[in-house]
């Protein structure tokens, strides 16, 4: 028996997937993400989600055969990009706005990353879903901001600091709670960008 099999009742192996409204499905996903942030991955159970959303366990098991599949689906449902509309015409100002936007969701995102920290190392599907939901879209949008700055001639295309900007920004989001016991909120991240990122890029 695999670790995922432990979450699967024997009776649902051939069950047909039932139809849920998008609103009801999102209610399940929101409940999963809330429990992940507040309790951690190991404490989340199909039984607990069923109780909090007033549905039967069999409904959840028909839709998502295992707990990892359920959590992965919830993560994908939360996919969003905060930096897409940032384009002030100035790379320095774009990076300040990106820092402020990243800090607005610091508590939720950091809590989710910490809750899944160990689990994603053990489950490739969870790891992939986490990257798809929270990491890759925003890194792509941040790199687009940097590319526009290069195209405008604000930073040379081969500047060695360019490739490290996403790691710097997202690294501070993850590490400040660990190092200082406080979230990397908008004000903190803007100060970080002004003190570290902009000088590294040669920007005022």
C-alpha atoms as a PDB file:
ATOM      1  CA  UNK A   1       0.000   0.000   0.000  1.00  0.00           C
ATOM      2  CA  UNK A   2       1.325   3.458  -0.883  1.00  0.00           C
ATOM      3  CA  UNK A   3       1.046   6.519   1.356  1.00  0.00           C
ATOM      4  CA  UNK A   4      -1.680   7.870  -0.901  1.00  0.00           C
ATOM      5  CA  UNK A   5      -3.672   4.633  -0.704  1.00  0.00           C
ATOM      6  CA  UNK A   6      -4.049   5.219   3.006  1.00  0.00           C
ATOM      7  CA  UNK A   7      -6.354   8.156   2.253  1.00  0.00           C
ATOM      8  CA  UNK A   8      -8.574   6.214  -0.161  1.00  0.00           C
ATOM      9  CA  UNK A   9     -11.592   4.212   1.043  1.00  0.00           C
ATOM     10  CA  UNK A  10     -11.829   0.805  -0.613  1.00  0.00           C
ATOM     11  CA  UNK A  11     -15.371   1.497  -1.771  1.00  0.00           C
ATOM     12  CA  UNK A  12     -14.625   4.430  -4.072  1.00  0.00           C
ATOM     13  CA  UNK A  13     -12.269   2.771  -6.518  1.00  0.00           C
ATOM     14  CA  UNK A  14     -14.896   2.502  -9.240  1.00  0.00           C
ATOM     15  CA  UNK A  15     -17.167   5.380  -8.164  1.00  0.00           C
ATOM     16  CA  UNK A  16     -18.194   7.833 -10.826  1.00  0.00           C
ATOM     17  CA  UNK A  17     -17.216  11.480 -10.388  1.00  0.00           C
ATOM     18  CA  UNK A  18     -20.294  13.503  -9.448  1.00  0.00           C
ATOM     19  CA  UNK A  19     -21.131  16.961 -10.715  1.00  0.00           C
ATOM     20  CA  UNK A  20     -20.441  19.934  -8.445  1.00  0.00           C
ATOM     21  CA  UNK A  21     -21.188  23.564  -9.135  1.00  0.00           C
ATOM     22  CA  UNK A  22     -18.076  25.767  -9.431  1.00  0.00           C
ATOM     23  CA  UNK A  23     -19.203  27.620  -6.299  1.00  0.00           C
ATOM     24  CA  UNK A  24     -19.491  24.431  -4.247  1.00  0.00           C
ATOM     25  CA  UNK A  25     -16.170  23.151  -5.532  1.00  0.00           C
ATOM     26  CA  UNK A  26     -14.482  26.434  -4.590  1.00  0.00           C
ATOM     27  CA  UNK A  27     -16.025  26.174  -1.116  1.00  0.00           C
ATOM     28  CA  UNK A  28     -14.225  22.850  -0.674  1.00  0.00           C
ATOM     29  CA  UNK A  29     -10.962  24.305  -1.969  1.00  0.00           C
ATOM     30  CA  UNK A  30     -11.188  27.334   0.331  1.00  0.00           C
ATOM     31  CA  UNK A  31     -11.774  25.041   3.304  1.00  0.00           C
ATOM     32  CA  UNK A  32      -8.671  22.994   2.413  1.00  0.00           C
ATOM     33  CA  UNK A  33      -6.471  26.069   2.073  1.00  0.00           C
ATOM     34  CA  UNK A  34      -7.779  27.580   5.327  1.00  0.00           C
ATOM     35  CA  UNK A  35      -7.070  24.365   7.225  1.00  0.00           C
ATOM     36  CA  UNK A  36      -3.616  24.088   5.670  1.00  0.00           C
ATOM     37  CA  UNK A  37      -2.683  27.580   6.852  1.00  0.00           C
ATOM     38  CA  UNK A  38      -4.091  27.144  10.344  1.00  0.00           C
ATOM     39  CA  UNK A  39      -3.294  23.484  11.098  1.00  0.00           C
ATOM     40  CA  UNK A  40      -0.596  22.288   8.683  1.00  0.00           C
ATOM     41  CA  UNK A  41      -0.715  19.588   6.041  1.00  0.00           C
ATOM     42  CA  UNK A  42      -0.641  16.562   8.350  1.00  0.00           C
ATOM     43  CA  UNK A  43      -3.680  17.792  10.302  1.00  0.00           C
ATOM     44  CA  UNK A  44      -5.844  18.207   7.200  1.00  0.00           C
ATOM     45  CA  UNK A  45      -8.178  15.249   6.642  1.00  0.00           C
ATOM     46  CA  UNK A  46     -10.968  14.481   4.223  1.00  0.00           C
ATOM     47  CA  UNK A  47     -13.181  13.907   7.262  1.00  0.00           C
ATOM     48  CA  UNK A  48     -12.396  17.346   8.640  1.00  0.00           C
ATOM     49  CA  UNK A  49     -13.095  19.068   5.339  1.00  0.00           C
ATOM     50  CA  UNK A  50     -16.357  17.149   4.996  1.00  0.00           C
ATOM     51  CA  UNK A  51     -17.453  18.276   8.450  1.00  0.00           C
ATOM     52  CA  UNK A  52     -16.521  21.927   7.909  1.00  0.00           C
ATOM     53  CA  UNK A  53     -18.304  22.098   4.542  1.00  0.00           C
ATOM     54  CA  UNK A  54     -21.311  19.982   5.589  1.00  0.00           C
ATOM     55  CA  UNK A  55     -20.932  17.279   2.993  1.00  0.00           C
ATOM     56  CA  UNK A  56     -20.304  13.551   3.079  1.00  0.00           C
ATOM     57  CA  UNK A  57     -16.838  12.046   2.939  1.00  0.00           C
ATOM     58  CA  UNK A  58     -17.932   9.955  -0.029  1.00  0.00           C
ATOM     59  CA  UNK A  59     -18.597  13.147  -2.016  1.00  0.00           C
ATOM     60  CA  UNK A  60     -15.020  14.295  -1.528  1.00  0.00           C
ATOM     61  CA  UNK A  61     -13.565  10.879  -2.260  1.00  0.00           C
ATOM     62  CA  UNK A  62     -15.571  10.625  -5.486  1.00  0.00           C
ATOM     63  CA  UNK A  63     -14.202  13.955  -6.665  1.00  0.00           C
ATOM     64  CA  UNK A  64     -10.611  13.628  -5.441  1.00  0.00           C
ATOM     65  CA  UNK A  65      -9.497  10.080  -4.722  1.00  0.00           C
ATOM     66  CA  UNK A  66      -6.755  11.003  -2.260  1.00  0.00           C
ATOM     67  CA  UNK A  67      -5.825  13.797   0.100  1.00  0.00           C
ATOM     68  CA  UNK A  68      -2.774  14.840  -1.984  1.00  0.00           C
ATOM     69  CA  UNK A  69      -4.955  15.067  -5.110  1.00  0.00           C
ATOM     70  CA  UNK A  70      -7.490  17.173  -3.206  1.00  0.00           C
ATOM     71  CA  UNK A  71      -4.839  19.557  -1.862  1.00  0.00           C
ATOM     72  CA  UNK A  72      -3.200  19.835  -5.292  1.00  0.00           C
ATOM     73  CA  UNK A  73      -6.567  20.752  -6.865  1.00  0.00           C
ATOM     74  CA  UNK A  74      -7.144  23.381  -4.163  1.00  0.00           C
ATOM     75  CA  UNK A  75      -3.731  24.905  -4.820  1.00  0.00           C
ATOM     76  CA  UNK A  76      -4.383  25.109  -8.556  1.00  0.00           C
ATOM     77  CA  UNK A  77      -7.716  26.807  -7.865  1.00  0.00           C
ATOM     78  CA  UNK A  78      -5.868  29.625  -6.079  1.00  0.00           C
ATOM     79  CA  UNK A  79      -3.633  30.441  -9.029  1.00  0.00           C
ATOM     80  CA  UNK A  80      -3.308  34.191  -9.520  1.00  0.00           C
ATOM     81  CA  UNK A  81      -0.713  36.730 -10.578  1.00  0.00           C
ATOM     82  CA  UNK A  82      -0.355  40.010  -8.709  1.00  0.00           C
ATOM     83  CA  UNK A  83       2.194  41.661 -10.981  1.00  0.00           C
ATOM     84  CA  UNK A  84       0.554  41.400 -14.411  1.00  0.00           C
ATOM     85  CA  UNK A  85      -0.815  44.955 -14.548  1.00  0.00           C
ATOM     86  CA  UNK A  86       2.295  46.674 -13.188  1.00  0.00           C
ATOM     87  CA  UNK A  87       3.852  48.858 -15.870  1.00  0.00           C
ATOM     88  CA  UNK A  88       4.703  52.396 -14.782  1.00  0.00           C
ATOM     89  CA  UNK A  89       7.298  52.998 -17.482  1.00  0.00           C
ATOM     90  CA  UNK A  90      10.081  52.889 -14.871  1.00  0.00           C
ATOM     91  CA  UNK A  91      11.764  49.683 -13.741  1.00  0.00           C
ATOM     92  CA  UNK A  92      12.512  51.081 -10.283  1.00  0.00           C
ATOM     93  CA  UNK A  93       8.878  52.068  -9.746  1.00  0.00           C
ATOM     94  CA  UNK A  94       7.654  48.759 -11.177  1.00  0.00           C
ATOM     95  CA  UNK A  95       9.808  46.886  -8.667  1.00  0.00           C
ATOM     96  CA  UNK A  96       8.532  49.036  -5.807  1.00  0.00           C
ATOM     97  CA  UNK A  97       4.947  48.280  -6.838  1.00  0.00           C
ATOM     98  CA  UNK A  98       5.719  44.569  -7.192  1.00  0.00           C
ATOM     99  CA  UNK A  99       7.226  44.544  -3.700  1.00  0.00           C
ATOM    100  CA  UNK A 100       4.158  46.262  -2.269  1.00  0.00           C
ATOM    101  CA  UNK A 101       1.839  43.810  -4.040  1.00  0.00           C
ATOM    102  CA  UNK A 102       3.843  40.801  -2.852  1.00  0.00           C
ATOM    103  CA  UNK A 103       3.700  42.039   0.729  1.00  0.00           C
ATOM    104  CA  UNK A 104      -0.088  42.341   0.702  1.00  0.00           C
ATOM    105  CA  UNK A 105      -0.492  38.561   0.693  1.00  0.00           C
ATOM    106  CA  UNK A 106       2.562  37.798   2.807  1.00  0.00           C
ATOM    107  CA  UNK A 107       0.780  36.117   5.694  1.00  0.00           C
ATOM    108  CA  UNK A 108      -1.415  33.848   3.606  1.00  0.00           C
ATOM    109  CA  UNK A 109       1.223  32.797   1.107  1.00  0.00           C
ATOM    110  CA  UNK A 110       3.987  32.298   3.655  1.00  0.00           C
ATOM    111  CA  UNK A 111       1.697  30.271   5.898  1.00  0.00           C
ATOM    112  CA  UNK A 112       0.734  28.064   2.987  1.00  0.00           C
ATOM    113  CA  UNK A 113       4.340  27.521   1.936  1.00  0.00           C
ATOM    114  CA  UNK A 114       5.336  26.643   5.495  1.00  0.00           C
ATOM    115  CA  UNK A 115       2.380  24.288   5.906  1.00  0.00           C
ATOM    116  CA  UNK A 116       3.360  22.400   2.768  1.00  0.00           C
ATOM    117  CA  UNK A 117       7.119  22.597   3.224  1.00  0.00           C
ATOM    118  CA  UNK A 118       7.744  18.952   4.117  1.00  0.00           C
ATOM    119  CA  UNK A 119       4.814  17.473   2.199  1.00  0.00           C
ATOM    120  CA  UNK A 120       5.878  18.894  -1.168  1.00  0.00           C
ATOM    121  CA  UNK A 121       9.282  17.252  -0.834  1.00  0.00           C
ATOM    122  CA  UNK A 122       7.553  13.877  -0.552  1.00  0.00           C
ATOM    123  CA  UNK A 123       4.841  14.292  -3.187  1.00  0.00           C
ATOM    124  CA  UNK A 124       5.745  15.426  -6.739  1.00  0.00           C
ATOM    125  CA  UNK A 125       2.117  16.271  -7.566  1.00  0.00           C
ATOM    126  CA  UNK A 126       1.854  18.632  -4.602  1.00  0.00           C
ATOM    127  CA  UNK A 127       5.179  20.215  -5.484  1.00  0.00           C
ATOM    128  CA  UNK A 128       4.067  20.778  -9.060  1.00  0.00           C
ATOM    129  CA  UNK A 129       0.714  22.230  -7.965  1.00  0.00           C
ATOM    130  CA  UNK A 130       2.393  24.596  -5.507  1.00  0.00           C
ATOM    131  CA  UNK A 131       4.745  25.880  -8.195  1.00  0.00           C
ATOM    132  CA  UNK A 132       1.881  26.269 -10.688  1.00  0.00           C
ATOM    133  CA  UNK A 133      -0.318  28.121  -8.191  1.00  0.00           C
ATOM    134  CA  UNK A 134       2.038  30.396  -6.269  1.00  0.00           C
ATOM    135  CA  UNK A 135       5.488  30.448  -7.821  1.00  0.00           C
ATOM    136  CA  UNK A 136       5.753  30.173 -11.591  1.00  0.00           C
ATOM    137  CA  UNK A 137       3.055  32.712 -12.611  1.00  0.00           C
ATOM    138  CA  UNK A 138       4.478  35.455 -10.431  1.00  0.00           C
ATOM    139  CA  UNK A 139       8.093  34.760 -11.334  1.00  0.00           C
ATOM    140  CA  UNK A 140       7.124  34.946 -15.009  1.00  0.00           C
ATOM    141  CA  UNK A 141       5.356  38.272 -14.443  1.00  0.00           C
ATOM    142  CA  UNK A 142       8.335  39.631 -12.497  1.00  0.00           C
ATOM    143  CA  UNK A 143      10.717  38.584 -15.251  1.00  0.00           C
ATOM    144  CA  UNK A 144       8.481  40.372 -17.758  1.00  0.00           C
ATOM    145  CA  UNK A 145       8.856  43.557 -15.678  1.00  0.00           C
ATOM    146  CA  UNK A 146      12.632  43.148 -15.755  1.00  0.00           C
ATOM    147  CA  UNK A 147      12.600  42.466 -19.500  1.00  0.00           C
ATOM    148  CA  UNK A 148      10.722  45.701 -20.135  1.00  0.00           C
ATOM    149  CA  UNK A 149      13.325  47.578 -18.127  1.00  0.00           C
ATOM    150  CA  UNK A 150      16.063  46.029 -20.245  1.00  0.00           C
ATOM    151  CA  UNK A 151      14.182  46.897 -23.434  1.00  0.00           C
ATOM    152  CA  UNK A 152      13.938  50.525 -22.297  1.00  0.00           C
ATOM    153  CA  UNK A 153      17.683  50.589 -21.691  1.00  0.00           C
ATOM    154  CA  UNK A 154      17.448  51.068 -17.927  1.00  0.00           C
ATOM    155  CA  UNK A 155      19.548  47.970 -17.224  1.00  0.00           C
ATOM    156  CA  UNK A 156      21.999  46.215 -19.581  1.00  0.00           C
ATOM    157  CA  UNK A 157      20.703  42.891 -20.882  1.00  0.00           C
ATOM    158  CA  UNK A 158      23.663  41.019 -19.440  1.00  0.00           C
ATOM    159  CA  UNK A 159      23.557  42.605 -15.985  1.00  0.00           C
ATOM    160  CA  UNK A 160      24.505  39.829 -13.533  1.00  0.00           C
ATOM    161  CA  UNK A 161      21.971  40.909 -10.882  1.00  0.00           C
ATOM    162  CA  UNK A 162      18.910  40.432 -13.113  1.00  0.00           C
ATOM    163  CA  UNK A 163      18.576  36.680 -12.649  1.00  0.00           C
ATOM    164  CA  UNK A 164      18.598  36.973  -8.848  1.00  0.00           C
ATOM    165  CA  UNK A 165      15.776  39.498  -8.438  1.00  0.00           C
ATOM    166  CA  UNK A 166      12.937  36.907  -8.188  1.00  0.00           C
ATOM    167  CA  UNK A 167      14.898  34.846  -5.658  1.00  0.00           C
ATOM    168  CA  UNK A 168      15.646  37.959  -3.615  1.00  0.00           C
ATOM    169  CA  UNK A 169      12.048  39.116  -3.458  1.00  0.00           C
ATOM    170  CA  UNK A 170      10.409  35.752  -2.867  1.00  0.00           C
ATOM    171  CA  UNK A 171      13.226  34.644  -0.593  1.00  0.00           C
ATOM    172  CA  UNK A 172      12.532  37.552   1.752  1.00  0.00           C
ATOM    173  CA  UNK A 173       8.838  36.655   1.814  1.00  0.00           C
ATOM    174  CA  UNK A 174       9.700  33.153   2.989  1.00  0.00           C
ATOM    175  CA  UNK A 175      12.632  33.872   5.290  1.00  0.00           C
ATOM    176  CA  UNK A 176      11.729  36.976   7.310  1.00  0.00           C
ATOM    177  CA  UNK A 177       9.146  35.086   9.412  1.00  0.00           C
ATOM    178  CA  UNK A 178      11.823  32.476  10.161  1.00  0.00           C
ATOM    179  CA  UNK A 179      14.654  34.904  10.919  1.00  0.00           C
ATOM    180  CA  UNK A 180      12.777  37.740  12.617  1.00  0.00           C
ATOM    181  CA  UNK A 181       9.376  36.323  13.568  1.00  0.00           C
ATOM    182  CA  UNK A 182       7.556  38.930  11.461  1.00  0.00           C
ATOM    183  CA  UNK A 183       5.912  38.878   8.057  1.00  0.00           C
ATOM    184  CA  UNK A 184       7.605  40.548   5.102  1.00  0.00           C
ATOM    185  CA  UNK A 185       4.781  43.048   4.586  1.00  0.00           C
ATOM    186  CA  UNK A 186       4.533  45.681   1.865  1.00  0.00           C
ATOM    187  CA  UNK A 187       6.476  48.371   3.720  1.00  0.00           C
ATOM    188  CA  UNK A 188       9.298  45.955   4.545  1.00  0.00           C
ATOM    189  CA  UNK A 189       9.587  44.631   0.990  1.00  0.00           C
ATOM    190  CA  UNK A 190       9.593  48.118  -0.523  1.00  0.00           C
ATOM    191  CA  UNK A 191      12.440  49.090   1.837  1.00  0.00           C
ATOM    192  CA  UNK A 192      14.268  45.914   0.861  1.00  0.00           C
ATOM    193  CA  UNK A 193      13.912  46.677  -2.840  1.00  0.00           C
ATOM    194  CA  UNK A 194      15.165  50.231  -2.341  1.00  0.00           C
ATOM    195  CA  UNK A 195      18.097  49.202  -0.139  1.00  0.00           C
ATOM    196  CA  UNK A 196      19.219  46.038  -1.931  1.00  0.00           C
ATOM    197  CA  UNK A 197      17.605  45.307  -5.292  1.00  0.00           C
ATOM    198  CA  UNK A 198      17.722  48.736  -6.925  1.00  0.00           C
ATOM    199  CA  UNK A 199      21.391  49.384  -5.992  1.00  0.00           C
ATOM    200  CA  UNK A 200      22.319  45.924  -7.272  1.00  0.00           C
ATOM    201  CA  UNK A 201      20.745  46.818 -10.629  1.00  0.00           C
ATOM    202  CA  UNK A 202      22.346  50.258 -10.683  1.00  0.00           C
ATOM    203  CA  UNK A 203      18.963  52.005 -10.387  1.00  0.00           C
ATOM    204  CA  UNK A 204      18.187  55.121  -8.318  1.00  0.00           C
END
